[in-house]
């Protein structure tokens, strides 16, 4: 049992890796092992002090309340119940104070510990485990997915979700739960996703689901396409490198799904194209930068005004929203708490919402009025690569589709840009075939402490994403600026030790970008030119280093230029010896606000 739980946790470690633990029911009693740090520490502990039993729960943590430590690691347990939990219990302080007044003692700094303690209190009042969990759920405010096992119940697992994803895996005489289908893939292909507010009661022979009102309900069972092999690293050193190299395939797949015959076949939008007066984009992190690129595409091609906000700040300015606005919410996981909350704000204003996600069963996909799914497949590396470029591919198609439906461009232009998109997978393969020069460049810059990335137009948006990749996996302080803003302050940072990465395809903004690069070069900056062969000639004598990309239509340059910039960050991180797939302090799916 513990081996299977541990293997499932390894598939989820990308979601958090500050501490980990497993609890089992052995001869009717709760047994528990926890450790600080990554799963390797828990694996070593279990080798010395194995757990036994036929039922178990496990968790790998991204710290919210309390520092990463063994005491704060999940599962949290009393003598009667052990619980694992994703999310945040917002009213835990109030509940903890009430329970302390009853004589209960808390051993951790976490919000989670109130859950098993409250369940225990209800059981002490004569409630069954199922009744005690149901009563506990009524008290909890916030977002959570929980799993619980109980002393004296060797065949009982209770799970519940509100705001955080949770799935049931259906097997032969066994059932399991997981916060991600990735964890369940080696165990079963039959997956049942709990709906918001659901509670599930599982045994080896059956599972029963109850909605928020306590009524027993049925939820759809789906066959997942995931497999253990699909989630492995293959022959690659890191998941991130594997996922960079998968981009030609997954971008091609995304394009084939929505425009395989040279015509765009997107699902009907929740607001008709001719009714859209404004688009509001919300997203976080890498997805926000995909949205930033899309703003240029949507305004230039479809001629629709576009606002874009970091999702975590969107609600706080209390935006007044026109009912003819289409909100586009972008997230790899579809569970990003800030983006989900921003989308819910828009829905409350009567605004139509469109989710662009990689997981069709995610909370955002289910709650939005419309959904477009990227086809990146599982992305395990915490730093997003293929999810980002498939988002770009899908957003490019959306911009062209809206341009066509609103009669803002002619059919010849649409055809030319679709052809340019269709060429991207082959040109990406050309870049990925030989990255020795990028690796050599990484060797030369790996010792620096600071970097600047600059660009204009869509390349300005790409500068942000490229700087994020560098800082999050190599820990080099990297900042991005619109190239025209250099002279308004950032140029003060430049000296001979400062690499300035200029993202400059030969487009309408190239000459102005080149002028800004000259300003940096005059101050002694190490110029890294990311351009095509025609652009490289103009950089002659100014740039010290080059990353040459195949020539392409400027419209698709952001998708094409993403890969070499990802590789530069990757090789720099490898040289520096950082944990590429699991950078410090980060997690893949940010399900807390």
Protein backbone atom coordinates (compact mmCIF):
# COMPACT_ATOMS: atom_id res chain seq x y z
CA UNK A 1 0.00 0.00 0.00
CA UNK A 2 2.61 2.57 1.00
CA UNK A 3 4.59 1.90 -2.16
CA UNK A 4 1.57 2.74 -4.32
CA UNK A 5 0.79 5.87 -2.33
CA UNK A 6 4.42 6.98 -2.53
CA UNK A 7 4.49 6.40 -6.28
CA UNK A 8 1.34 8.50 -6.69
CA UNK A 9 2.91 11.27 -4.60
CA UNK A 10 5.96 11.26 -6.85
CA UNK A 11 3.63 12.08 -9.74
CA UNK A 12 2.19 14.97 -7.73
CA UNK A 13 5.44 16.33 -6.31
CA UNK A 14 5.51 19.05 -8.96
CA UNK A 15 2.51 20.58 -7.15
CA UNK A 16 4.45 21.05 -3.92
CA UNK A 17 7.58 19.63 -2.33
CA UNK A 18 8.23 21.31 1.03
CA UNK A 19 7.32 18.22 3.08
CA UNK A 20 5.44 14.96 2.69
CA UNK A 21 3.78 12.20 4.64
CA UNK A 22 1.68 9.04 4.56
CA UNK A 23 -0.84 7.62 7.02
CA UNK A 24 -2.29 4.09 6.98
CA UNK A 25 -4.75 2.12 9.06
CA UNK A 26 -2.89 -0.91 10.41
CA UNK A 27 -4.82 -3.36 12.59
CA UNK A 28 -7.42 -0.68 13.20
CA UNK A 29 -4.99 2.03 14.29
CA UNK A 30 -3.56 5.10 12.54
CA UNK A 31 0.14 4.84 11.70
CA UNK A 32 1.97 7.86 10.37
CA UNK A 33 5.30 8.80 8.77
CA UNK A 34 6.20 12.37 7.80
CA UNK A 35 9.35 14.20 6.78
CA UNK A 36 10.52 17.66 5.84
CA UNK A 37 11.79 18.29 2.32
CA UNK A 38 11.29 16.33 -0.85
CA UNK A 39 9.83 12.87 -1.24
CA UNK A 40 13.24 11.25 -1.23
CA UNK A 41 13.41 11.98 2.50
CA UNK A 42 10.07 10.28 3.11
CA UNK A 43 11.14 7.35 0.94
CA UNK A 44 14.29 6.92 3.04
CA UNK A 45 12.28 7.12 6.27
CA UNK A 46 9.83 4.46 5.06
CA UNK A 47 12.74 2.19 4.17
CA UNK A 48 13.83 2.34 7.83
CA UNK A 49 10.37 2.48 9.39
CA UNK A 50 7.87 0.90 7.01
CA UNK A 51 4.11 1.32 7.26
CA UNK A 52 1.61 -1.50 6.88
CA UNK A 53 -2.09 -1.70 6.15
CA UNK A 54 -4.51 -1.91 3.22
CA UNK A 55 -5.73 1.68 3.23
CA UNK A 56 -3.68 4.86 3.25
CA UNK A 57 -3.52 8.55 2.38
CA UNK A 58 -0.54 10.67 1.40
CA UNK A 59 0.31 14.29 0.72
CA UNK A 60 3.16 16.39 -0.61
CA UNK A 61 2.97 19.98 0.60
CA UNK A 62 3.47 23.52 -0.66
CA UNK A 63 3.63 25.53 2.56
CA UNK A 64 0.96 28.14 3.31
CA UNK A 65 0.39 28.21 7.07
CA UNK A 66 3.58 27.35 8.92
CA UNK A 67 7.13 26.73 7.79
CA UNK A 68 8.10 23.52 5.98
CA UNK A 69 8.73 21.05 8.81
CA UNK A 70 7.83 17.55 9.94
CA UNK A 71 5.32 18.95 12.44
CA UNK A 72 3.54 20.93 9.72
CA UNK A 73 3.61 18.11 7.17
CA UNK A 74 0.44 16.27 6.25
CA UNK A 75 -1.32 14.02 7.12
CA UNK A 76 -2.50 15.61 10.35
CA UNK A 77 -4.07 13.21 12.79
CA UNK A 78 -5.78 12.70 16.11
CA UNK A 79 -6.25 9.28 17.69
CA UNK A 80 -9.44 8.90 15.67
CA UNK A 81 -8.82 10.35 12.21
CA UNK A 82 -6.02 11.32 9.81
CA UNK A 83 -6.56 13.98 7.14
CA UNK A 84 -4.77 15.30 4.07
CA UNK A 85 -5.80 18.69 2.70
CA UNK A 86 -5.17 20.97 -0.26
CA UNK A 87 -6.23 24.60 -0.02
CA UNK A 88 -6.75 27.08 2.81
CA UNK A 89 -9.24 27.09 5.70
CA UNK A 90 -9.92 30.78 6.12
CA UNK A 91 -11.66 30.53 9.50
CA UNK A 92 -9.22 28.09 11.07
CA UNK A 93 -8.25 30.56 13.81
CA UNK A 94 -11.82 30.84 15.05
CA UNK A 95 -12.32 27.05 14.96
CA UNK A 96 -8.99 26.39 16.66
CA UNK A 97 -9.83 28.77 19.50
CA UNK A 98 -13.17 27.00 20.03
CA UNK A 99 -11.50 23.59 20.10
CA UNK A 100 -8.74 24.78 22.42
CA UNK A 101 -11.42 25.97 24.82
CA UNK A 102 -12.72 22.38 24.83
CA UNK A 103 -9.27 21.11 25.80
CA UNK A 104 -7.89 20.03 22.42
CA UNK A 105 -4.15 20.53 21.90
CA UNK A 106 -2.66 21.52 18.54
CA UNK A 107 0.81 20.42 17.48
CA UNK A 108 1.32 22.35 14.22
CA UNK A 109 1.11 25.86 12.81
CA UNK A 110 -1.20 24.77 10.00
CA UNK A 111 -4.80 25.55 9.23
CA UNK A 112 -5.30 21.90 8.27
CA UNK A 113 -5.03 20.53 11.81
CA UNK A 114 -8.45 21.94 12.72
CA UNK A 115 -10.08 19.49 10.27
CA UNK A 116 -9.22 16.18 11.99
CA UNK A 117 -9.68 17.80 15.38
CA UNK A 118 -13.17 19.04 14.50
CA UNK A 119 -14.09 15.65 13.03
CA UNK A 120 -12.85 14.03 16.25
CA UNK A 121 -15.00 16.40 18.31
CA UNK A 122 -18.11 15.48 16.36
CA UNK A 123 -17.32 11.77 16.68
CA UNK A 124 -16.92 12.25 20.44
CA UNK A 125 -20.51 13.51 20.40
CA UNK A 126 -21.68 10.23 18.90
CA UNK A 127 -21.54 11.01 15.19
CA UNK A 128 -20.43 8.37 12.70
CA UNK A 129 -17.35 9.18 10.59
CA UNK A 130 -19.55 10.16 7.65
CA UNK A 131 -21.81 12.32 9.80
CA UNK A 132 -18.81 13.90 11.53
CA UNK A 133 -17.20 14.85 8.22
CA UNK A 134 -20.48 16.28 6.93
CA UNK A 135 -20.85 18.44 10.05
CA UNK A 136 -17.22 19.55 9.80
CA UNK A 137 -17.64 20.62 6.18
CA UNK A 138 -20.44 22.97 7.23
CA UNK A 139 -18.01 24.87 9.47
CA UNK A 140 -15.13 25.24 7.03
CA UNK A 141 -14.74 28.45 5.03
CA UNK A 142 -12.27 28.63 2.17
CA UNK A 143 -11.01 26.28 -0.50
CA UNK A 144 -10.22 22.67 0.20
CA UNK A 145 -9.97 19.13 -1.02
CA UNK A 146 -9.63 16.59 1.79
CA UNK A 147 -9.20 12.87 2.31
CA UNK A 148 -9.70 11.15 5.67
CA UNK A 149 -9.16 7.69 7.16
CA UNK A 150 -10.41 6.52 10.55
CA UNK A 151 -9.29 4.39 13.48
CA UNK A 152 -11.19 1.11 13.54
CA UNK A 153 -12.29 1.41 9.91
CA UNK A 154 -9.91 -0.52 7.67
CA UNK A 155 -12.10 -0.10 4.59
CA UNK A 156 -13.33 3.49 4.80
CA UNK A 157 -12.03 6.57 3.02
CA UNK A 158 -14.01 9.84 2.99
CA UNK A 159 -13.20 12.68 0.61
CA UNK A 160 -14.69 16.10 -0.09
CA UNK A 161 -14.00 19.13 -2.23
CA UNK A 162 -14.85 22.81 -2.28
CA UNK A 163 -12.80 25.05 -4.54
CA UNK A 164 -9.92 22.58 -5.01
CA UNK A 165 -9.99 19.68 -7.49
CA UNK A 166 -10.49 16.07 -6.42
CA UNK A 167 -11.04 12.91 -8.45
CA UNK A 168 -12.01 9.32 -7.70
CA UNK A 169 -10.16 6.53 -9.44
CA UNK A 170 -12.31 3.45 -10.06
CA UNK A 171 -10.51 0.11 -10.09
CA UNK A 172 -11.13 -3.60 -9.63
CA UNK A 173 -12.28 -4.03 -6.01
CA UNK A 174 -10.49 -0.84 -5.06
CA UNK A 175 -11.09 2.88 -5.21
CA UNK A 176 -8.71 5.77 -4.75
CA UNK A 177 -8.71 9.57 -4.68
CA UNK A 178 -6.27 12.11 -6.05
CA UNK A 179 -6.04 15.86 -6.49
CA UNK A 180 -4.88 15.24 -10.06
CA UNK A 181 -5.62 12.47 -12.54
CA UNK A 182 -1.85 12.29 -13.09
CA UNK A 183 -1.52 10.55 -9.71
CA UNK A 184 -4.20 8.00 -10.54
CA UNK A 185 -3.08 7.15 -14.09
CA UNK A 186 -1.02 4.04 -13.20
CA UNK A 187 -3.88 2.67 -11.06
CA UNK A 188 -6.91 3.12 -13.32
CA UNK A 189 -8.15 4.85 -16.46
CA UNK A 190 -11.66 5.36 -15.04
CA UNK A 191 -11.92 8.75 -13.36
CA UNK A 192 -14.88 10.41 -11.67
CA UNK A 193 -14.43 14.10 -10.85
CA UNK A 194 -16.22 15.39 -7.77
CA UNK A 195 -18.36 18.47 -8.32
CA UNK A 196 -18.17 21.57 -6.16
CA UNK A 197 -19.38 20.77 -2.62
CA UNK A 198 -19.39 16.98 -3.08
CA UNK A 199 -18.47 14.46 -0.41
CA UNK A 200 -17.55 10.87 -1.33
CA UNK A 201 -17.56 7.75 0.83
CA UNK A 202 -15.32 5.00 -0.53
CA UNK A 203 -14.69 1.34 0.25
CA UNK A 204 -12.91 -1.31 -1.84
CA UNK A 205 -16.22 -2.47 -3.35
CA UNK A 206 -18.10 0.80 -3.93
CA UNK A 207 -18.16 4.57 -3.78
CA UNK A 208 -21.05 6.89 -3.01
CA UNK A 209 -21.18 10.62 -3.71
CA UNK A 210 -23.30 13.15 -1.84
CA UNK A 211 -23.88 16.73 -2.93
CA UNK A 212 -23.70 19.77 -0.69
CA UNK A 213 -27.29 19.23 0.49
CA UNK A 214 -26.51 15.64 1.51
CA UNK A 215 -28.40 14.00 -1.34
CA UNK A 216 -26.77 11.01 -3.01
CA UNK A 217 -25.87 11.82 -6.62
CA UNK A 218 -24.19 10.26 -9.64
CA UNK A 219 -21.24 11.91 -11.40
CA UNK A 220 -19.95 11.05 -14.85
CA UNK A 221 -17.15 8.52 -15.15
CA UNK A 222 -14.59 9.35 -17.81
CA UNK A 223 -11.72 7.47 -19.38
CA UNK A 224 -8.47 9.35 -18.99
CA UNK A 225 -5.94 9.32 -21.82
CA UNK A 226 -3.08 9.61 -19.35
CA UNK A 227 -0.70 6.73 -18.83
CA UNK A 228 2.32 6.09 -16.68
CA UNK A 229 4.55 6.31 -19.76
CA UNK A 230 3.14 9.67 -20.80
CA UNK A 231 4.13 11.15 -17.46
CA UNK A 232 7.70 9.82 -17.41
CA UNK A 233 10.86 11.67 -18.43
CA UNK A 234 11.82 9.20 -21.12
CA UNK A 235 15.46 9.66 -22.11
CA UNK A 236 15.56 13.30 -21.02
CA UNK A 237 17.48 14.52 -18.00
CA UNK A 238 14.60 16.68 -16.76
CA UNK A 239 10.87 16.95 -17.31
CA UNK A 240 11.38 20.55 -18.42
CA UNK A 241 13.72 19.53 -21.21
CA UNK A 242 11.33 16.79 -22.32
CA UNK A 243 8.47 19.27 -22.38
CA UNK A 244 10.48 21.83 -24.35
CA UNK A 245 11.15 19.14 -26.93
CA UNK A 246 7.48 18.11 -27.01
CA UNK A 247 6.43 21.55 -28.23
CA UNK A 248 6.46 20.83 -31.99
CA UNK A 249 4.15 17.87 -31.37
CA UNK A 250 1.70 19.50 -28.96
CA UNK A 251 1.51 22.78 -30.90
CA UNK A 252 0.83 20.72 -34.03
CA UNK A 253 -1.85 18.78 -32.16
CA UNK A 254 -3.51 21.97 -30.91
CA UNK A 255 -3.49 23.45 -34.41
CA UNK A 256 -4.82 20.22 -35.92
CA UNK A 257 -7.73 20.06 -33.49
CA UNK A 258 -8.91 23.58 -34.27
CA UNK A 259 -7.63 24.23 -37.79
CA UNK A 260 -6.48 20.94 -39.26
CA UNK A 261 -7.91 21.57 -42.72
CA UNK A 262 -6.65 25.13 -43.07
CA UNK A 263 -9.91 26.53 -41.73
CA UNK A 264 -10.60 27.57 -38.15
CA UNK A 265 -13.11 25.44 -36.24
CA UNK A 266 -13.32 26.88 -32.75
CA UNK A 267 -16.38 26.12 -30.63
CA UNK A 268 -19.05 28.78 -30.45
CA UNK A 269 -18.03 31.54 -28.07
CA UNK A 270 -20.27 32.47 -25.10
CA UNK A 271 -20.68 35.94 -26.65
CA UNK A 272 -21.20 36.27 -30.39
CA UNK A 273 -18.25 37.82 -32.23
CA UNK A 274 -20.26 40.79 -33.50
CA UNK A 275 -21.54 41.51 -29.97
CA UNK A 276 -18.11 41.76 -28.33
CA UNK A 277 -17.37 45.39 -27.52
CA UNK A 278 -14.33 44.70 -25.34
CA UNK A 279 -12.20 41.78 -24.17
CA UNK A 280 -10.89 41.46 -20.62
CA UNK A 281 -8.00 39.00 -20.12
CA UNK A 282 -7.09 37.73 -16.65
CA UNK A 283 -4.28 35.31 -15.82
CA UNK A 284 -1.24 34.79 -13.61
CA UNK A 285 2.44 34.17 -14.25
CA UNK A 286 3.29 32.63 -17.60
CA UNK A 287 -0.37 32.53 -18.62
CA UNK A 288 -0.52 36.30 -18.07
CA UNK A 289 2.32 36.76 -20.55
CA UNK A 290 0.47 34.59 -23.07
CA UNK A 291 -2.44 36.97 -22.60
CA UNK A 292 -0.14 39.95 -23.07
CA UNK A 293 0.90 38.60 -26.48
CA UNK A 294 -2.75 37.91 -27.30
CA UNK A 295 -3.69 41.52 -26.58
CA UNK A 296 -1.55 42.60 -29.56
CA UNK A 297 -3.02 39.90 -31.78
CA UNK A 298 -6.63 40.59 -30.83
CA UNK A 299 -6.36 44.35 -31.26
CA UNK A 300 -4.35 44.21 -34.48
CA UNK A 301 -6.29 41.44 -36.20
CA UNK A 302 -9.82 41.55 -34.74
CA UNK A 303 -9.77 45.29 -33.88
CA UNK A 304 -11.32 44.68 -30.44
CA UNK A 305 -10.12 46.79 -27.50
CA UNK A 306 -8.45 44.56 -24.91
CA UNK A 307 -7.74 45.07 -21.23
CA UNK A 308 -5.45 42.69 -19.36
CA UNK A 309 -5.03 42.33 -15.62
CA UNK A 310 -2.99 40.17 -13.30
CA UNK A 311 -5.79 38.02 -11.90
CA UNK A 312 -4.74 38.47 -8.28
CA UNK A 313 -5.31 42.25 -8.58
CA UNK A 314 -8.32 42.32 -10.89
CA UNK A 315 -11.09 42.37 -8.28
CA UNK A 316 -9.40 44.92 -6.07
CA UNK A 317 -9.88 47.78 -8.49
CA UNK A 318 -13.59 46.85 -8.58
CA UNK A 319 -13.80 47.18 -12.36
CA UNK A 320 -17.03 48.36 -13.94
CA UNK A 321 -17.74 45.81 -16.66
CA UNK A 322 -19.73 46.34 -19.83
CA UNK A 323 -22.14 43.39 -20.40
CA UNK A 324 -20.80 43.22 -23.96
CA UNK A 325 -17.37 42.33 -22.62
CA UNK A 326 -15.92 38.84 -23.11
CA UNK A 327 -13.62 37.79 -20.29
CA UNK A 328 -10.84 35.39 -21.30
CA UNK A 329 -9.37 33.60 -18.28
CA UNK A 330 -6.15 31.69 -18.99
CA UNK A 331 -4.63 28.95 -16.80
CA UNK A 332 -2.64 25.80 -17.44
CA UNK A 333 -4.24 23.84 -14.60
CA UNK A 334 -7.63 25.52 -14.65
CA UNK A 335 -7.39 25.62 -10.86
CA UNK A 336 -5.45 28.88 -10.36
CA UNK A 337 -7.32 30.39 -7.42
CA UNK A 338 -6.76 34.05 -8.32
CA UNK A 339 -7.85 33.55 -11.93
CA UNK A 340 -10.88 31.52 -10.87
CA UNK A 341 -11.90 34.29 -8.44
CA UNK A 342 -11.50 36.95 -11.14
CA UNK A 343 -13.66 34.89 -13.47
CA UNK A 344 -16.31 34.51 -10.78
CA UNK A 345 -16.30 38.29 -10.27
CA UNK A 346 -17.00 38.80 -13.98
CA UNK A 347 -19.80 36.23 -13.99
CA UNK A 348 -21.41 38.04 -11.05
CA UNK A 349 -21.36 41.18 -13.22
CA UNK A 350 -23.23 39.34 -15.97
CA UNK A 351 -20.14 39.14 -18.19
CA UNK A 352 -19.60 36.12 -20.46
CA UNK A 353 -16.49 34.10 -19.57
CA UNK A 354 -14.22 31.96 -21.71
CA UNK A 355 -11.65 29.71 -20.04
CA UNK A 356 -8.49 28.68 -21.88
CA UNK A 357 -7.11 25.72 -19.95
CA UNK A 358 -5.15 22.51 -20.40
CA UNK A 359 -7.49 20.42 -18.22
CA UNK A 360 -11.02 20.02 -19.53
CA UNK A 361 -12.41 18.86 -16.16
CA UNK A 362 -10.87 21.71 -14.16
CA UNK A 363 -12.82 24.16 -12.00
CA UNK A 364 -12.37 27.01 -14.47
CA UNK A 365 -13.49 24.87 -17.39
CA UNK A 366 -16.61 23.76 -15.54
CA UNK A 367 -17.56 27.22 -14.25
CA UNK A 368 -16.86 29.28 -17.37
CA UNK A 369 -19.54 29.95 -19.98
CA UNK A 370 -17.23 28.58 -22.65
CA UNK A 371 -13.97 26.63 -22.74
CA UNK A 372 -11.08 26.19 -25.16
CA UNK A 373 -8.69 23.39 -24.27
CA UNK A 374 -5.04 23.45 -25.19
CA UNK A 375 -3.62 20.05 -26.02
CA UNK A 376 -0.27 20.25 -24.25
CA UNK A 377 -0.74 17.02 -22.31
CA UNK A 378 0.58 16.67 -18.74
CA UNK A 379 3.17 19.30 -17.86
CA UNK A 380 5.22 18.20 -14.85
CA UNK A 381 8.04 20.75 -14.86
CA UNK A 382 7.03 23.64 -12.61
CA UNK A 383 8.31 26.24 -15.11
CA UNK A 384 5.74 26.21 -17.88
CA UNK A 385 6.96 25.60 -21.44
CA UNK A 386 4.67 23.62 -23.71
CA UNK A 387 1.55 24.84 -21.90
CA UNK A 388 2.61 28.40 -22.70
CA UNK A 389 3.22 27.83 -26.40
CA UNK A 390 -0.02 25.88 -26.87
CA UNK A 391 -1.84 28.76 -25.18
CA UNK A 392 -0.23 31.09 -27.72
CA UNK A 393 -1.22 28.84 -30.61
CA UNK A 394 -4.82 28.72 -29.45
CA UNK A 395 -4.97 32.48 -28.78
CA UNK A 396 -3.57 33.15 -32.25
CA UNK A 397 -6.38 31.07 -33.74
CA UNK A 398 -8.93 32.91 -31.61
CA UNK A 399 -7.65 36.29 -32.83
CA UNK A 400 -7.87 35.18 -36.45
CA UNK A 401 -11.31 33.64 -35.96
CA UNK A 402 -12.66 36.85 -34.45
CA UNK A 403 -11.03 38.92 -37.20
CA UNK A 404 -12.74 36.76 -39.80
CA UNK A 405 -16.15 36.78 -38.15
CA UNK A 406 -16.03 40.56 -37.63
CA UNK A 407 -14.86 41.16 -41.23
CA UNK A 408 -11.73 42.97 -40.07
CA UNK A 409 -9.43 41.28 -42.57
CA UNK A 410 -9.62 39.45 -45.87
CA UNK A 411 -9.52 35.70 -46.46
CA UNK A 412 -6.07 35.92 -48.03
CA UNK A 413 -4.57 37.37 -44.85
CA UNK A 414 -6.25 34.69 -42.72
CA UNK A 415 -4.91 32.00 -45.03
CA UNK A 416 -1.39 33.44 -44.95
CA UNK A 417 -1.31 33.61 -41.16
CA UNK A 418 -2.75 30.10 -40.80
CA UNK A 419 -0.02 28.89 -43.13
CA UNK A 420 2.58 30.64 -40.98
CA UNK A 421 1.15 28.92 -37.89
CA UNK A 422 1.23 25.56 -39.63
CA UNK A 423 4.97 26.02 -40.28
CA UNK A 424 5.78 26.61 -36.60
CA UNK A 425 6.16 22.94 -35.51
CA UNK A 426 8.73 22.22 -38.22
CA UNK A 427 10.68 25.39 -37.48
CA UNK A 428 10.62 24.64 -33.75
CA UNK A 429 12.04 21.21 -34.49
CA UNK A 430 14.85 22.90 -36.39
CA UNK A 431 15.70 25.01 -33.33
CA UNK A 432 15.52 22.04 -30.97
CA UNK A 433 17.61 19.78 -33.18
CA UNK A 434 20.84 21.50 -32.15
CA UNK A 435 21.08 23.75 -29.10
CA UNK A 436 24.84 23.57 -28.57
CA UNK A 437 25.29 27.28 -29.22
CA UNK A 438 22.57 28.13 -26.69
CA UNK A 439 24.25 25.85 -24.15
CA UNK A 440 27.59 27.57 -24.82
CA UNK A 441 25.94 30.95 -24.28
CA UNK A 442 24.47 29.69 -21.01
CA UNK A 443 27.98 28.81 -19.87
CA UNK A 444 29.10 32.39 -20.51
CA UNK A 445 26.23 34.05 -18.65
CA UNK A 446 25.73 31.59 -15.78
CA UNK A 447 27.96 33.57 -13.45
CA UNK A 448 26.11 36.88 -13.73
CA UNK A 449 23.81 38.18 -11.01
CA UNK A 450 21.48 40.37 -13.08
CA UNK A 451 20.02 40.37 -16.59
CA UNK A 452 17.74 42.58 -18.65
CA UNK A 453 15.37 41.39 -21.37
CA UNK A 454 13.96 43.93 -23.81
CA UNK A 455 11.67 43.97 -26.83
CA UNK A 456 8.92 45.91 -28.56
CA UNK A 457 5.40 44.88 -29.48
CA UNK A 458 4.81 41.17 -28.98
CA UNK A 459 8.52 40.81 -28.24
CA UNK A 460 8.03 43.09 -25.23
CA UNK A 461 5.52 40.53 -23.92
CA UNK A 462 7.96 37.73 -24.67
CA UNK A 463 10.71 39.56 -22.77
CA UNK A 464 8.59 39.24 -19.62
CA UNK A 465 8.12 35.52 -20.11
CA UNK A 466 11.80 34.92 -20.92
CA UNK A 467 12.90 36.84 -17.82
CA UNK A 468 10.48 34.86 -15.69
CA UNK A 469 11.91 31.57 -16.96
CA UNK A 470 15.45 32.69 -16.16
CA UNK A 471 14.67 33.89 -12.65
CA UNK A 472 12.44 31.01 -11.59
CA UNK A 473 14.80 28.15 -12.44
CA UNK A 474 18.32 29.68 -12.41
CA UNK A 475 17.63 32.21 -9.59
CA UNK A 476 19.41 34.93 -11.59
CA UNK A 477 17.69 38.27 -11.07
CA UNK A 478 16.20 38.96 -14.50
CA UNK A 479 13.94 41.86 -15.41
CA UNK A 480 12.04 42.73 -18.56
CA UNK A 481 11.24 46.13 -20.05
CA UNK A 482 9.72 47.54 -23.15
CA UNK A 483 12.80 48.50 -25.16
CA UNK A 484 11.61 52.10 -25.42
CA UNK A 485 11.52 52.35 -21.62
CA UNK A 486 15.25 51.67 -21.24
CA UNK A 487 16.11 55.36 -21.33
CA UNK A 488 13.50 56.15 -18.67
CA UNK A 489 15.38 54.52 -15.82
CA UNK A 490 16.57 50.94 -16.36
CA UNK A 491 19.58 52.06 -18.38
CA UNK A 492 21.10 53.19 -15.06
CA UNK A 493 21.60 49.52 -14.20
CA UNK A 494 23.76 48.76 -17.22
CA UNK A 495 27.48 48.09 -16.98
CA UNK A 496 29.96 45.65 -18.50
CA UNK A 497 28.67 42.81 -16.31
CA UNK A 498 25.05 43.16 -17.42
CA UNK A 499 23.74 40.92 -20.23
CA UNK A 500 20.92 42.58 -22.16
CA UNK A 501 18.86 40.07 -24.13
CA UNK A 502 17.22 41.83 -27.07
CA UNK A 503 14.31 39.90 -28.57
CA UNK A 504 14.20 41.34 -32.06
CA UNK A 505 12.64 39.45 -34.96
CA UNK A 506 12.80 41.36 -38.25
CA UNK A 507 9.40 42.97 -37.85
CA UNK A 508 7.83 46.44 -37.92
CA UNK A 509 9.47 47.34 -34.61
CA UNK A 510 12.94 46.04 -35.45
CA UNK A 511 14.64 49.37 -36.29
CA UNK A 512 13.38 51.04 -33.13
CA UNK A 513 14.49 48.06 -31.02
CA UNK A 514 17.91 48.24 -32.66
CA UNK A 515 18.21 51.89 -31.63
CA UNK A 516 17.50 50.97 -28.02
CA UNK A 517 20.05 48.17 -28.19
CA UNK A 518 22.62 50.68 -29.39
CA UNK A 519 21.94 52.75 -26.27
CA UNK A 520 22.67 49.72 -24.10
CA UNK A 521 25.75 48.74 -26.10
CA UNK A 522 27.16 52.25 -25.72
CA UNK A 523 27.09 51.70 -21.93
CA UNK A 524 29.09 48.47 -22.22
CA UNK A 525 26.25 45.96 -21.93
CA UNK A 526 26.79 42.39 -23.13
CA UNK A 527 24.20 42.29 -25.91
CA UNK A 528 22.54 38.96 -26.65
CA UNK A 529 20.59 39.29 -29.90
CA UNK A 530 17.67 36.90 -30.35
CA UNK A 531 16.75 37.41 -33.97
CA UNK A 532 16.72 35.82 -37.42
CA UNK A 533 19.49 35.79 -40.03
CA UNK A 534 18.34 39.07 -41.60
CA UNK A 535 18.23 40.76 -38.20
CA UNK A 536 21.66 39.43 -37.23
CA UNK A 537 23.27 41.39 -40.04
CA UNK A 538 21.94 44.63 -38.59
CA UNK A 539 23.33 43.69 -35.15
CA UNK A 540 26.82 43.14 -36.61
CA UNK A 541 29.46 44.70 -34.39
CA UNK A 542 26.99 45.47 -31.64
CA UNK A 543 25.94 42.09 -30.21
CA UNK A 544 28.43 39.85 -28.40
CA UNK A 545 26.21 36.78 -28.56
CA UNK A 546 23.48 35.56 -30.90
CA UNK A 547 20.56 33.18 -30.83
CA UNK A 548 19.50 32.83 -34.46
CA UNK A 549 15.95 31.66 -35.17
CA UNK A 550 14.55 30.55 -38.51
CA UNK A 551 12.91 33.34 -40.49
CA UNK A 552 9.17 33.47 -39.99
CA UNK A 553 6.14 35.69 -40.31
CA UNK A 554 6.23 38.25 -37.46
CA UNK A 555 2.77 37.08 -36.37
CA UNK A 556 4.11 33.71 -35.19
CA UNK A 557 7.46 34.92 -33.85
CA UNK A 558 6.37 34.77 -30.18
CA UNK A 559 5.62 31.05 -30.46
CA UNK A 560 8.82 30.34 -32.35
CA UNK A 561 11.10 32.45 -30.16
CA UNK A 562 9.80 30.93 -26.93
CA UNK A 563 11.79 27.69 -27.30
CA UNK A 564 15.35 29.10 -27.55
CA UNK A 565 14.64 31.44 -24.63
CA UNK A 566 13.38 28.48 -22.61
CA UNK A 567 16.53 26.56 -23.51
CA UNK A 568 18.74 29.45 -22.44
CA UNK A 569 17.12 29.45 -19.01
CA UNK A 570 17.24 25.66 -18.82
CA UNK A 571 20.93 25.30 -19.65
CA UNK A 572 21.84 28.17 -17.33
CA UNK A 573 19.99 26.48 -14.47
CA UNK A 574 21.65 23.13 -15.18
CA UNK A 575 25.09 24.76 -15.16
CA UNK A 576 24.30 26.48 -11.88
CA UNK A 577 23.13 23.19 -10.38
CA UNK A 578 19.63 24.27 -9.40
CA UNK A 579 16.65 21.93 -9.25
CA UNK A 580 15.25 22.59 -12.71
CA UNK A 581 11.96 20.71 -12.40
CA UNK A 582 11.20 21.76 -8.83
CA UNK A 583 12.56 25.27 -8.23
CA UNK A 584 12.71 26.44 -4.65
CA UNK A 585 9.56 27.93 -3.09
CA UNK A 586 7.37 27.23 -6.13
CA UNK A 587 4.52 24.89 -6.99
CA UNK A 588 2.89 24.01 -10.29
CA UNK A 589 -0.77 24.51 -9.52
CA UNK A 590 -1.41 27.50 -7.26
CA UNK A 591 -4.79 26.72 -5.70
CA UNK A 592 -4.54 29.35 -2.94
CA UNK A 593 -5.03 33.11 -3.20
